[in-house]
PDB file of N, CA and C in Angstrom:
ATOM      1  N   MET A   1       0.764  -1.650   0.058  1.00  0.00           N
ATOM      2  CA  MET A   1       0.062  -0.109  -0.414  1.00  0.00           C
ATOM      3  C   MET A   1       1.006   1.201  -0.157  1.00  0.00           C
ATOM      4  N   ILE A   2       1.790   1.160   0.893  1.00  0.00           N
ATOM      5  CA  ILE A   2       3.178   2.480   0.867  1.00  0.00           C
ATOM      6  C   ILE A   2       3.929   2.739  -0.161  1.00  0.00           C
ATOM      7  N   PHE A   3       3.991   1.885  -1.347  1.00  0.00           N
ATOM      8  CA  PHE A   3       4.585   1.814  -2.172  1.00  0.00           C
ATOM      9  C   PHE A   3       3.774   2.163  -2.728  1.00  0.00           C
ATOM     10  N   ASN A   4       1.801   1.274  -3.583  1.00  0.00           N
ATOM     11  CA  ASN A   4       1.839   2.319  -4.026  1.00  0.00           C
ATOM     12  C   ASN A   4       1.787   4.122  -4.707  1.00  0.00           C
ATOM     13  N   LYS A   5       1.659   4.720  -2.988  1.00  0.00           N
ATOM     14  CA  LYS A   5       0.841   5.731  -2.906  1.00  0.00           C
ATOM     15  C   LYS A   5       2.564   6.305  -2.860  1.00  0.00           C
ATOM     16  N   ILE A   6       4.025   6.354  -3.003  1.00  0.00           N
ATOM     17  CA  ILE A   6       4.905   5.945  -3.637  1.00  0.00           C
ATOM     18  C   ILE A   6       4.751   5.839  -4.860  1.00  0.00           C
ATOM     19  N   SER A   7       4.594   4.837  -5.756  1.00  0.00           N
ATOM     20  CA  SER A   7       4.539   5.214  -6.765  1.00  0.00           C
ATOM     21  C   SER A   7       4.166   5.686  -7.802  1.00  0.00           C
ATOM     22  N   THR A   8       2.725   6.614  -7.117  1.00  0.00           N
ATOM     23  CA  THR A   8       1.684   7.215  -8.135  1.00  0.00           C
ATOM     24  C   THR A   8       2.134   9.084  -7.227  1.00  0.00           C
ATOM     25  N   THR A   9       2.226   8.838  -6.281  1.00  0.00           N
ATOM     26  CA  THR A   9       3.866   9.764  -6.210  1.00  0.00           C
ATOM     27  C   THR A   9       4.150  10.583  -7.146  1.00  0.00           C
ATOM     28  N   CYS A  10       5.536   9.687  -7.538  1.00  0.00           N
ATOM     29  CA  CYS A  10       6.738   9.581  -8.537  1.00  0.00           C
ATOM     30  C   CYS A  10       6.008  10.232  -9.362  1.00  0.00           C
ATOM     31  N   ILE A  11       5.430   9.029  -9.640  1.00  0.00           N
ATOM     32  CA  ILE A  11       4.752   9.082 -11.607  1.00  0.00           C
ATOM     33  C   ILE A  11       4.035  10.408 -11.134  1.00  0.00           C
ATOM     34  N   SER A  12       3.840  11.214 -10.418  1.00  0.00           N
ATOM     35  CA  SER A  12       3.151  12.905 -10.652  1.00  0.00           C
ATOM     36  C   SER A  12       4.347  13.472 -10.898  1.00  0.00           C
ATOM     37  N   ILE A  13       5.232  13.841 -10.165  1.00  0.00           N
ATOM     38  CA  ILE A  13       6.159  14.204 -10.099  1.00  0.00           C
ATOM     39  C   ILE A  13       6.179  14.363 -11.582  1.00  0.00           C
ATOM     40  N   VAL A  14       6.976  13.089 -11.995  1.00  0.00           N
ATOM     41  CA  VAL A  14       7.487  12.915 -13.275  1.00  0.00           C
ATOM     42  C   VAL A  14       6.941  13.894 -14.244  1.00  0.00           C
ATOM     43  N   ILE A  15       5.160  13.497 -14.186  1.00  0.00           N
ATOM     44  CA  ILE A  15       4.503  14.003 -15.479  1.00  0.00           C
ATOM     45  C   ILE A  15       4.595  15.575 -14.640  1.00  0.00           C
ATOM     46  N   ALA A  16       4.465  16.064 -13.537  1.00  0.00           N
ATOM     47  CA  ALA A  16       4.389  17.234 -13.554  1.00  0.00           C
ATOM     48  C   ALA A  16       5.095  18.070 -13.982  1.00  0.00           C
ATOM     49  N   LEU A  17       6.722  17.158 -14.071  1.00  0.00           N
ATOM     50  CA  LEU A  17       8.175  18.392 -14.176  1.00  0.00           C
ATOM     51  C   LEU A  17       7.455  18.412 -16.022  1.00  0.00           C
ATOM     52  N   SER A  18       7.838  17.285 -16.459  1.00  0.00           N
ATOM     53  CA  SER A  18       7.171  17.799 -18.403  1.00  0.00           C
ATOM     54  C   SER A  18       6.865  18.914 -18.359  1.00  0.00           C
ATOM     55  N   LEU A  19       5.537  18.602 -17.935  1.00  0.00           N
ATOM     56  CA  LEU A  19       4.607  19.151 -18.019  1.00  0.00           C
ATOM     57  C   LEU A  19       5.000  21.158 -18.288  1.00  0.00           C
ATOM     58  N   ALA A  20       5.842  21.106 -17.130  1.00  0.00           N
ATOM     59  CA  ALA A  20       6.584  22.732 -16.791  1.00  0.00           C
ATOM     60  C   ALA A  20       7.943  22.715 -17.174  1.00  0.00           C
ATOM     61  N   THR A  21       8.135  21.781 -18.111  1.00  0.00           N
ATOM     62  CA  THR A  21       9.240  22.731 -19.079  1.00  0.00           C
ATOM     63  C   THR A  21       8.417  22.603 -20.828  1.00  0.00           C
ATOM     64  N   ILE A  22       6.666  22.364 -20.715  1.00  0.00           N
ATOM     65  CA  ILE A  22       6.969  22.495 -22.011  1.00  0.00           C
ATOM     66  C   ILE A  22       6.205  23.575 -21.743  1.00  0.00           C
ATOM     67  N   THR A  23       5.821  23.770 -20.761  1.00  0.00           N
ATOM     68  CA  THR A  23       5.251  25.326 -20.175  1.00  0.00           C
ATOM     69  C   THR A  23       6.129  26.411 -20.460  1.00  0.00           C
ATOM     70  N   VAL A  24       7.686  26.045 -19.641  1.00  0.00           N
ATOM     71  CA  VAL A  24       8.306  26.871 -19.573  1.00  0.00           C
ATOM     72  C   VAL A  24       9.137  27.888 -21.007  1.00  0.00           C
ATOM     73  N   TYR A  25       9.425  26.538 -22.015  1.00  0.00           N
ATOM     74  CA  TYR A  25       9.682  26.894 -23.425  1.00  0.00           C
ATOM     75  C   TYR A  25       8.332  27.286 -23.765  1.00  0.00           C
ATOM     76  N   ALA A  26       7.363  27.119 -23.691  1.00  0.00           N
ATOM     77  CA  ALA A  26       6.336  27.648 -24.601  1.00  0.00           C
ATOM     78  C   ALA A  26       6.353  29.732 -24.523  1.00  0.00           C
ATOM     79  N   GLN A  27       6.387  30.083 -22.549  1.00  0.00           N
ATOM     80  CA  GLN A  27       6.427  31.179 -22.534  1.00  0.00           C
ATOM     81  C   GLN A  27       7.343  31.623 -23.017  1.00  0.00           C
ATOM     82  N   GLN A  28       8.625  31.268 -23.402  1.00  0.00           N
ATOM     83  CA  GLN A  28      10.000  32.179 -23.185  1.00  0.00           C
ATOM     84  C   GLN A  28       9.885  32.979 -23.688  1.00  0.00           C
ATOM     85  N   GLU A  29      10.419  34.357 -23.113  1.00  0.00           N
ATOM     86  CA  GLU A  29      10.382  36.008 -24.335  1.00  0.00           C
ATOM     87  C   GLU A  29      11.066  35.729 -25.580  1.00  0.00           C
ATOM     88  N   ASN A  30      10.705  36.474 -26.629  1.00  0.00           N
ATOM     89  CA  ASN A  30      11.741  36.000 -27.584  1.00  0.00           C
ATOM     90  C   ASN A  30      12.415  34.679 -28.418  1.00  0.00           C
ATOM     91  N   SER A  31      11.045  33.774 -28.234  1.00  0.00           N
ATOM     92  CA  SER A  31      10.977  32.555 -28.962  1.00  0.00           C
ATOM     93  C   SER A  31      10.143  32.367 -29.934  1.00  0.00           C
ATOM     94  N   ILE A  32       9.998  31.408 -30.820  1.00  0.00           N
ATOM     95  CA  ILE A  32       8.994  30.894 -31.484  1.00  0.00           C
ATOM     96  C   ILE A  32       8.678  29.603 -31.023  1.00  0.00           C
ATOM     97  N   VAL A  33       7.469  29.659 -31.362  1.00  0.00           N
ATOM     98  CA  VAL A  33       7.094  27.617 -30.823  1.00  0.00           C
ATOM     99  C   VAL A  33       6.804  26.812 -32.846  1.00  0.00           C
ATOM    100  N   ILE A  34       7.474  25.851 -32.589  1.00  0.00           N
ATOM    101  CA  ILE A  34       6.347  24.734 -34.459  1.00  0.00           C
ATOM    102  C   ILE A  34       5.637  24.381 -33.369  1.00  0.00           C
ATOM    103  N   SER A  35       3.933  24.799 -33.501  1.00  0.00           N
ATOM    104  CA  SER A  35       3.616  24.107 -32.482  1.00  0.00           C
ATOM    105  C   SER A  35       3.320  22.292 -33.306  1.00  0.00           C
ATOM    106  N   GLU A  36       2.762  21.988 -32.051  1.00  0.00           N
ATOM    107  CA  GLU A  36       2.325  20.204 -32.366  1.00  0.00           C
ATOM    108  C   GLU A  36       1.407  20.239 -33.338  1.00  0.00           C
ATOM    109  N   GLY A  37       1.100  19.143 -34.602  1.00  0.00           N
ATOM    110  CA  GLY A  37      -0.046  19.528 -35.578  1.00  0.00           C
ATOM    111  C   GLY A  37       0.483  20.247 -36.156  1.00  0.00           C
ATOM    112  N   SER A  38       1.447  20.930 -36.861  1.00  0.00           N
ATOM    113  CA  SER A  38       2.288  22.342 -37.746  1.00  0.00           C
ATOM    114  C   SER A  38       2.179  21.380 -38.857  1.00  0.00           C
ATOM    115  N   SER A  39       3.170  20.391 -39.012  1.00  0.00           N
ATOM    116  CA  SER A  39       2.533  19.816 -40.225  1.00  0.00           C
ATOM    117  C   SER A  39       1.917  19.198 -41.267  1.00  0.00           C
ATOM    118  N   SER A  40       0.873  19.540 -40.587  1.00  0.00           N
ATOM    119  CA  SER A  40      -1.162  19.624 -41.482  1.00  0.00           C
ATOM    120  C   SER A  40      -1.161  20.743 -42.226  1.00  0.00           C
ATOM    121  N   PRO A  41      -1.368  21.316 -43.281  1.00  0.00           N
ATOM    122  CA  PRO A  41      -2.215  22.547 -43.322  1.00  0.00           C
ATOM    123  C   PRO A  41      -3.105  22.184 -42.567  1.00  0.00           C
ATOM    124  N   ALA A  42      -3.982  21.276 -41.989  1.00  0.00           N
ATOM    125  CA  ALA A  42      -5.580  22.134 -41.339  1.00  0.00           C
ATOM    126  C   ALA A  42      -5.050  21.980 -40.469  1.00  0.00           C
ATOM    127  N   ASN A  43      -4.182  22.172 -39.570  1.00  0.00           N
ATOM    128  CA  ASN A  43      -3.802  23.244 -38.343  1.00  0.00           C
ATOM    129  C   ASN A  43      -4.074  24.676 -38.136  1.00  0.00           C
ATOM    130  N   ASP A  44      -4.352  24.862 -36.991  1.00  0.00           N
ATOM    131  CA  ASP A  44      -4.225  26.920 -37.125  1.00  0.00           C
ATOM    132  C   ASP A  44      -3.734  27.378 -36.882  1.00  0.00           C
ATOM    133  N   LYS A  45      -2.378  26.386 -35.873  1.00  0.00           N
ATOM    134  CA  LYS A  45      -1.022  27.438 -36.188  1.00  0.00           C
ATOM    135  C   LYS A  45       0.043  26.655 -36.504  1.00  0.00           C
ATOM    136  N   PHE A  46       1.334  26.839 -36.867  1.00  0.00           N
ATOM    137  CA  PHE A  46       2.332  27.070 -37.262  1.00  0.00           C
ATOM    138  C   PHE A  46       3.985  27.175 -36.674  1.00  0.00           C
ATOM    139  N   PHE A  47       4.344  28.501 -37.056  1.00  0.00           N
ATOM    140  CA  PHE A  47       4.850  29.258 -36.537  1.00  0.00           C
ATOM    141  C   PHE A  47       4.514  30.641 -35.384  1.00  0.00           C
ATOM    142  N   VAL A  48       4.424  30.079 -33.791  1.00  0.00           N
ATOM    143  CA  VAL A  48       3.894  31.004 -32.934  1.00  0.00           C
ATOM    144  C   VAL A  48       4.859  32.240 -32.091  1.00  0.00           C
ATOM    145  N   PRO A  49       4.715  32.548 -32.426  1.00  0.00           N
ATOM    146  CA  PRO A  49       4.148  34.057 -32.758  1.00  0.00           C
ATOM    147  C   PRO A  49       4.517  33.566 -34.458  1.00  0.00           C
ATOM    148  N   GLN A  50       3.765  34.023 -35.263  1.00  0.00           N
ATOM    149  CA  GLN A  50       3.856  34.248 -36.786  1.00  0.00           C
ATOM    150  C   GLN A  50       5.172  35.614 -37.199  1.00  0.00           C
ATOM    151  N   GLU A  51       4.664  36.423 -36.634  1.00  0.00           N
ATOM    152  CA  GLU A  51       4.976  37.734 -36.211  1.00  0.00           C
ATOM    153  C   GLU A  51       6.078  37.271 -35.312  1.00  0.00           C
ATOM    154  N   LEU A  52       7.192  38.295 -35.447  1.00  0.00           N
ATOM    155  CA  LEU A  52       7.489  39.296 -34.008  1.00  0.00           C
ATOM    156  C   LEU A  52       8.341  39.948 -33.978  1.00  0.00           C
ATOM    157  N   THR A  53       8.022  40.825 -33.148  1.00  0.00           N
ATOM    158  CA  THR A  53       8.937  42.575 -33.275  1.00  0.00           C
ATOM    159  C   THR A  53      10.090  42.512 -32.084  1.00  0.00           C
ATOM    160  N   VAL A  54      11.633  42.258 -32.861  1.00  0.00           N
ATOM    161  CA  VAL A  54      12.142  42.832 -31.466  1.00  0.00           C
ATOM    162  C   VAL A  54      13.039  43.851 -31.775  1.00  0.00           C
ATOM    163  N   LYS A  55      14.497  43.903 -30.384  1.00  0.00           N
ATOM    164  CA  LYS A  55      15.037  45.259 -30.910  1.00  0.00           C
ATOM    165  C   LYS A  55      15.893  43.905 -32.244  1.00  0.00           C
ATOM    166  N   SER A  56      17.258  45.376 -32.131  1.00  0.00           N
ATOM    167  CA  SER A  56      18.444  44.947 -32.828  1.00  0.00           C
ATOM    168  C   SER A  56      19.400  44.416 -31.612  1.00  0.00           C
ATOM    169  N   GLY A  57      20.072  43.345 -32.477  1.00  0.00           N
ATOM    170  CA  GLY A  57      21.369  42.401 -30.654  1.00  0.00           C
ATOM    171  C   GLY A  57      20.514  41.159 -30.062  1.00  0.00           C
ATOM    172  N   THR A  58      18.671  40.951 -30.593  1.00  0.00           N
ATOM    173  CA  THR A  58      17.956  39.823 -29.828  1.00  0.00           C
ATOM    174  C   THR A  58      18.218  38.704 -30.850  1.00  0.00           C
ATOM    175  N   THR A  59      18.202  37.779 -29.157  1.00  0.00           N
ATOM    176  CA  THR A  59      18.392  36.161 -30.005  1.00  0.00           C
ATOM    177  C   THR A  59      17.435  35.941 -29.404  1.00  0.00           C
ATOM    178  N   ILE A  60      17.280  35.118 -31.132  1.00  0.00           N
ATOM    179  CA  ILE A  60      15.397  34.770 -30.972  1.00  0.00           C
ATOM    180  C   ILE A  60      15.692  32.891 -30.960  1.00  0.00           C
ATOM    181  N   THR A  61      14.523  32.719 -30.360  1.00  0.00           N
ATOM    182  CA  THR A  61      14.961  31.250 -30.123  1.00  0.00           C
ATOM    183  C   THR A  61      13.986  30.220 -30.561  1.00  0.00           C
ATOM    184  N   TRP A  62      13.783  30.115 -31.835  1.00  0.00           N
ATOM    185  CA  TRP A  62      12.822  28.460 -32.257  1.00  0.00           C
ATOM    186  C   TRP A  62      12.959  27.083 -31.134  1.00  0.00           C
ATOM    187  N   ILE A  63      11.652  26.627 -31.354  1.00  0.00           N
ATOM    188  CA  ILE A  63      11.789  25.810 -30.542  1.00  0.00           C
ATOM    189  C   ILE A  63      10.310  24.848 -31.344  1.00  0.00           C
ATOM    190  N   ASN A  64      10.861  23.365 -31.888  1.00  0.00           N
ATOM    191  CA  ASN A  64      10.177  22.341 -32.515  1.00  0.00           C
ATOM    192  C   ASN A  64       9.518  21.533 -31.268  1.00  0.00           C
ATOM    193  N   GLU A  65       7.799  22.098 -31.263  1.00  0.00           N
ATOM    194  CA  GLU A  65       7.617  20.719 -30.166  1.00  0.00           C
ATOM    195  C   GLU A  65       5.977  20.561 -31.158  1.00  0.00           C
ATOM    196  N   ASP A  66       6.516  20.172 -32.628  1.00  0.00           N
ATOM    197  CA  ASP A  66       6.043  18.919 -33.087  1.00  0.00           C
ATOM    198  C   ASP A  66       6.295  17.723 -33.176  1.00  0.00           C
ATOM    199  N   ASN A  67       6.038  16.488 -33.947  1.00  0.00           N
ATOM    200  CA  ASN A  67       6.531  15.821 -33.829  1.00  0.00           C
ATOM    201  C   ASN A  67       7.125  14.713 -34.644  1.00  0.00           C
ATOM    202  N   THR A  68       7.147  15.834 -35.668  1.00  0.00           N
ATOM    203  CA  THR A  68       8.159  15.763 -37.027  1.00  0.00           C
ATOM    204  C   THR A  68       8.816  16.926 -37.213  1.00  0.00           C
ATOM    205  N   ILE A  69      10.184  16.463 -37.886  1.00  0.00           N
ATOM    206  CA  ILE A  69      11.060  17.433 -38.126  1.00  0.00           C
ATOM    207  C   ILE A  69      11.345  18.555 -39.022  1.00  0.00           C
ATOM    208  N   HIS A  70      11.405  19.507 -39.129  1.00  0.00           N
ATOM    209  CA  HIS A  70      11.542  20.877 -39.313  1.00  0.00           C
ATOM    210  C   HIS A  70      11.863  21.698 -39.930  1.00  0.00           C
ATOM    211  N   SER A  71      12.108  22.533 -40.936  1.00  0.00           N
ATOM    212  CA  SER A  71      13.536  23.094 -41.336  1.00  0.00           C
ATOM    213  C   SER A  71      13.192  24.604 -41.301  1.00  0.00           C
ATOM    214  N   ILE A  72      14.424  25.552 -41.304  1.00  0.00           N
ATOM    215  CA  ILE A  72      13.705  27.200 -40.493  1.00  0.00           C
ATOM    216  C   ILE A  72      14.837  27.925 -41.830  1.00  0.00           C
ATOM    217  N   LYS A  73      14.130  28.644 -42.820  1.00  0.00           N
ATOM    218  CA  LYS A  73      14.559  29.201 -43.580  1.00  0.00           C
ATOM    219  C   LYS A  73      14.576  30.711 -44.204  1.00  0.00           C
ATOM    220  N   GLU A  74      15.657  31.083 -43.654  1.00  0.00           N
ATOM    221  CA  GLU A  74      15.242  32.448 -43.434  1.00  0.00           C
ATOM    222  C   GLU A  74      14.837  33.004 -45.193  1.00  0.00           C
ATOM    223  N   GLY A  75      14.210  33.859 -45.643  1.00  0.00           N
ATOM    224  CA  GLY A  75      14.853  34.216 -46.814  1.00  0.00           C
ATOM    225  C   GLY A  75      12.554  33.870 -47.559  1.00  0.00           C
ATOM    226  N   LYS A  76      12.402  34.643 -48.425  1.00  0.00           N
ATOM    227  CA  LYS A  76      11.556  34.324 -49.313  1.00  0.00           C
ATOM    228  C   LYS A  76      10.892  32.470 -49.971  1.00  0.00           C
ATOM    229  N   LYS A  77       9.757  31.735 -50.242  1.00  0.00           N
ATOM    230  CA  LYS A  77      10.143  30.286 -50.816  1.00  0.00           C
ATOM    231  C   LYS A  77      10.424  30.022 -51.661  1.00  0.00           C
ATOM    232  N   PHE A  78      11.481  30.947 -53.273  1.00  0.00           N
ATOM    233  CA  PHE A  78      12.073  30.893 -53.961  1.00  0.00           C
ATOM    234  C   PHE A  78      13.325  32.492 -54.013  1.00  0.00           C
ATOM    235  N   GLY A  79      13.988  31.972 -55.104  1.00  0.00           N
ATOM    236  CA  GLY A  79      14.921  32.607 -55.135  1.00  0.00           C
ATOM    237  C   GLY A  79      15.727  32.953 -54.083  1.00  0.00           C
ATOM    238  N   ASN A  80      15.990  33.224 -52.475  1.00  0.00           N
ATOM    239  CA  ASN A  80      17.727  33.791 -51.497  1.00  0.00           C
ATOM    240  C   ASN A  80      17.965  32.070 -51.979  1.00  0.00           C
ATOM    241  N   GLU A  81      19.292  32.465 -52.682  1.00  0.00           N
ATOM    242  CA  GLU A  81      20.139  31.854 -52.771  1.00  0.00           C
ATOM    243  C   GLU A  81      21.736  31.522 -51.481  1.00  0.00           C
ATOM    244  N   SER A  82      21.461  32.509 -50.709  1.00  0.00           N
ATOM    245  CA  SER A  82      22.145  33.088 -49.460  1.00  0.00           C
ATOM    246  C   SER A  82      21.393  33.183 -48.088  1.00  0.00           C
ATOM    247  N   PRO A  83      20.737  32.700 -47.355  1.00  0.00           N
ATOM    248  CA  PRO A  83      19.972  32.926 -46.446  1.00  0.00           C
ATOM    249  C   PRO A  83      21.013  33.036 -45.067  1.00  0.00           C
ATOM    250  N   LYS A  84      20.149  33.877 -44.043  1.00  0.00           N
ATOM    251  CA  LYS A  84      20.658  34.071 -43.200  1.00  0.00           C
ATOM    252  C   LYS A  84      21.394  33.181 -42.401  1.00  0.00           C
ATOM    253  N   PHE A  85      19.942  32.397 -43.147  1.00  0.00           N
ATOM    254  CA  PHE A  85      20.085  31.037 -41.807  1.00  0.00           C
ATOM    255  C   PHE A  85      18.445  30.041 -42.533  1.00  0.00           C
ATOM    256  N   ASP A  86      19.531  28.668 -41.966  1.00  0.00           N
ATOM    257  CA  ASP A  86      19.147  27.552 -42.830  1.00  0.00           C
ATOM    258  C   ASP A  86      19.208  26.026 -41.834  1.00  0.00           C
ATOM    259  N   THR A  87      18.210  25.968 -41.474  1.00  0.00           N
ATOM    260  CA  THR A  87      18.737  24.730 -40.359  1.00  0.00           C
ATOM    261  C   THR A  87      17.420  23.831 -40.049  1.00  0.00           C
ATOM    262  N   THR A  88      17.814  22.917 -39.515  1.00  0.00           N
ATOM    263  CA  THR A  88      16.466  21.354 -39.894  1.00  0.00           C
ATOM    264  C   THR A  88      16.707  21.272 -38.108  1.00  0.00           C
ATOM    265  N   LEU A  89      14.979  21.391 -37.401  1.00  0.00           N
ATOM    266  CA  LEU A  89      14.872  21.231 -35.762  1.00  0.00           C
ATOM    267  C   LEU A  89      14.087  19.282 -35.602  1.00  0.00           C
ATOM    268  N   GLU A  90      14.557  18.597 -34.867  1.00  0.00           N
ATOM    269  CA  GLU A  90      14.550  17.291 -35.000  1.00  0.00           C
ATOM    270  C   GLU A  90      13.214  18.037 -33.563  1.00  0.00           C
ATOM    271  N   PRO A  91      12.570  17.319 -33.126  1.00  0.00           N
ATOM    272  CA  PRO A  91      11.347  17.278 -32.059  1.00  0.00           C
ATOM    273  C   PRO A  91      12.288  18.081 -30.375  1.00  0.00           C
ATOM    274  N   GLU A  92      11.649  19.071 -30.189  1.00  0.00           N
ATOM    275  CA  GLU A  92      11.872  18.686 -28.731  1.00  0.00           C
ATOM    276  C   GLU A  92      13.467  19.532 -29.297  1.00  0.00           C
ATOM    277  N   ASP A  93      13.611  19.786 -30.704  1.00  0.00           N
ATOM    278  CA  ASP A  93      14.961  20.510 -30.569  1.00  0.00           C
ATOM    279  C   ASP A  93      15.169  22.042 -31.036  1.00  0.00           C
ATOM    280  N   THR A  94      15.990  22.897 -30.096  1.00  0.00           N
ATOM    281  CA  THR A  94      16.117  24.841 -29.940  1.00  0.00           C
ATOM    282  C   THR A  94      17.261  25.310 -31.537  1.00  0.00           C
ATOM    283  N   PHE A  95      16.483  26.116 -31.842  1.00  0.00           N
ATOM    284  CA  PHE A  95      17.531  26.788 -32.416  1.00  0.00           C
ATOM    285  C   PHE A  95      17.874  28.071 -32.194  1.00  0.00           C
ATOM    286  N   GLU A  96      19.077  28.830 -32.461  1.00  0.00           N
ATOM    287  CA  GLU A  96      18.351  30.452 -31.839  1.00  0.00           C
ATOM    288  C   GLU A  96      19.302  31.386 -33.240  1.00  0.00           C
ATOM    289  N   TYR A  97      19.535  31.754 -32.774  1.00  0.00           N
ATOM    290  CA  TYR A  97      19.274  33.096 -33.994  1.00  0.00           C
ATOM    291  C   TYR A  97      19.742  34.189 -33.333  1.00  0.00           C
ATOM    292  N   THR A  98      20.973  35.514 -33.965  1.00  0.00           N
ATOM    293  CA  THR A  98      20.400  36.446 -33.474  1.00  0.00           C
ATOM    294  C   THR A  98      21.160  37.202 -34.517  1.00  0.00           C
ATOM    295  N   PHE A  99      19.401  38.277 -34.481  1.00  0.00           N
ATOM    296  CA  PHE A  99      19.285  39.384 -35.127  1.00  0.00           C
ATOM    297  C   PHE A  99      19.729  40.691 -35.504  1.00  0.00           C
ATOM    298  N   ASP A 100      20.772  41.058 -35.523  1.00  0.00           N
ATOM    299  CA  ASP A 100      21.894  42.308 -35.390  1.00  0.00           C
ATOM    300  C   ASP A 100      21.690  43.629 -36.120  1.00  0.00           C
ATOM    301  N   GLU A 101      20.619  43.764 -37.277  1.00  0.00           N
ATOM    302  CA  GLU A 101      20.827  44.280 -38.565  1.00  0.00           C
ATOM    303  C   GLU A 101      19.442  44.506 -38.681  1.00  0.00           C
ATOM    304  N   PRO A 102      18.844  45.770 -38.638  1.00  0.00           N
ATOM    305  CA  PRO A 102      16.927  46.260 -38.461  1.00  0.00           C
ATOM    306  C   PRO A 102      16.897  45.612 -40.110  1.00  0.00           C
ATOM    307  N   GLY A 103      15.895  45.445 -39.584  1.00  0.00           N
ATOM    308  CA  GLY A 103      14.775  44.422 -41.730  1.00  0.00           C
ATOM    309  C   GLY A 103      13.995  44.207 -41.103  1.00  0.00           C
ATOM    310  N   GLU A 104      13.064  43.573 -41.682  1.00  0.00           N
ATOM    311  CA  GLU A 104      12.037  42.265 -41.732  1.00  0.00           C
ATOM    312  C   GLU A 104      12.815  41.534 -42.470  1.00  0.00           C
ATOM    313  N   TYR A 105      12.363  40.688 -41.446  1.00  0.00           N
ATOM    314  CA  TYR A 105      12.541  39.006 -41.254  1.00  0.00           C
ATOM    315  C   TYR A 105      11.621  38.136 -42.028  1.00  0.00           C
ATOM    316  N   GLU A 106      11.413  37.612 -43.456  1.00  0.00           N
ATOM    317  CA  GLU A 106      10.601  36.754 -43.645  1.00  0.00           C
ATOM    318  C   GLU A 106      11.753  35.046 -43.709  1.00  0.00           C
ATOM    319  N   TYR A 107      10.402  34.344 -42.583  1.00  0.00           N
ATOM    320  CA  TYR A 107      11.140  32.581 -42.617  1.00  0.00           C
ATOM    321  C   TYR A 107      10.385  31.948 -43.148  1.00  0.00           C
ATOM    322  N   HIS A 108      10.848  30.702 -43.303  1.00  0.00           N
ATOM    323  CA  HIS A 108       9.568  29.344 -44.106  1.00  0.00           C
ATOM    324  C   HIS A 108      10.112  28.271 -43.550  1.00  0.00           C
ATOM    325  N   SER A 109       9.394  27.493 -43.850  1.00  0.00           N
ATOM    326  CA  SER A 109       9.448  26.204 -43.849  1.00  0.00           C
ATOM    327  C   SER A 109      10.539  25.592 -45.080  1.00  0.00           C
ATOM    328  N   VAL A 110      10.876  24.520 -45.665  1.00  0.00           N
ATOM    329  CA  VAL A 110      10.728  24.460 -46.726  1.00  0.00           C
ATOM    330  C   VAL A 110      10.632  22.936 -46.999  1.00  0.00           C
ATOM    331  N   ALA A 111       9.674  22.601 -45.996  1.00  0.00           N
ATOM    332  CA  ALA A 111       9.267  21.488 -46.001  1.00  0.00           C
ATOM    333  C   ALA A 111       7.642  21.234 -46.181  1.00  0.00           C
ATOM    334  N   PHE A 112       6.928  21.882 -45.756  1.00  0.00           N
ATOM    335  CA  PHE A 112       5.718  22.375 -45.499  1.00  0.00           C
ATOM    336  C   PHE A 112       5.266  23.790 -45.823  1.00  0.00           C
ATOM    337  N   PRO A 113       5.077  24.520 -47.300  1.00  0.00           N
ATOM    338  CA  PRO A 113       5.359  26.149 -47.406  1.00  0.00           C
ATOM    339  C   PRO A 113       4.526  26.562 -46.914  1.00  0.00           C
ATOM    340  N   TRP A 114       3.231  26.077 -46.265  1.00  0.00           N
ATOM    341  CA  TRP A 114       2.359  26.725 -45.214  1.00  0.00           C
ATOM    342  C   TRP A 114       2.856  27.657 -44.571  1.00  0.00           C
ATOM    343  N   MET A 115       4.182  26.777 -43.886  1.00  0.00           N
ATOM    344  CA  MET A 115       4.651  27.620 -42.650  1.00  0.00           C
ATOM    345  C   MET A 115       5.417  28.503 -42.257  1.00  0.00           C
ATOM    346  N   GLU A 116       4.734  30.151 -42.521  1.00  0.00           N
ATOM    347  CA  GLU A 116       5.454  31.130 -42.474  1.00  0.00           C
ATOM    348  C   GLU A 116       5.691  32.192 -41.978  1.00  0.00           C
ATOM    349  N   GLY A 117       6.964  32.852 -41.390  1.00  0.00           N
ATOM    350  CA  GLY A 117       6.852  33.990 -40.482  1.00  0.00           C
ATOM    351  C   GLY A 117       7.726  35.090 -40.737  1.00  0.00           C
ATOM    352  N   LYS A 118       8.267  35.811 -40.151  1.00  0.00           N
ATOM    353  CA  LYS A 118       8.674  37.349 -39.832  1.00  0.00           C
ATOM    354  C   LYS A 118       8.911  38.366 -39.032  1.00  0.00           C
ATOM    355  N   ILE A 119      10.474  37.866 -38.940  1.00  0.00           N
ATOM    356  CA  ILE A 119      10.510  39.183 -38.002  1.00  0.00           C
ATOM    357  C   ILE A 119      10.928  40.185 -38.367  1.00  0.00           C
ATOM    358  N   ILE A 120      11.190  40.816 -37.123  1.00  0.00           N
ATOM    359  CA  ILE A 120      10.556  42.456 -37.613  1.00  0.00           C
ATOM    360  C   ILE A 120      11.936  43.007 -35.884  1.00  0.00           C
ATOM    361  N   VAL A 121      12.980  43.705 -37.103  1.00  0.00           N
ATOM    362  CA  VAL A 121      13.486  44.102 -35.755  1.00  0.00           C
ATOM    363  C   VAL A 121      14.177  45.592 -36.404  1.00  0.00           C
ATOM    364  N   LYS A 122      14.117  46.362 -35.504  1.00  0.00           N
ATOM    365  CA  LYS A 122      14.143  47.133 -35.209  1.00  0.00           C
ATOM    366  C   LYS A 122      15.551  47.980 -34.416  1.00  0.00           C
TER     367      LYS A 122
END
């Protein structure tokens, strides 16, 4: 009986810590979450937030909360041969990039063309 209570308590703590970790990622300032299910065009969220305004020198963190691999490439979907960043994220991976120059930076997923976002640097 005592062992069952201890096991149940331990399992509850592990679940609570796992959920807390996900919540911390989702609430980080200057972060963009690749939302769960975003590999489907039927999903209502992809890059969250889709547009983010920051000051020059800010580091943005992308967090892949989906269960599939995602790419993040700076620039328009076609014609950008020299992107400032072009990376692939496994599920639960993160990617950081520091925006040092003011401007508007569009980015997208190569594999999932409905996924688009924008960083505005002032």
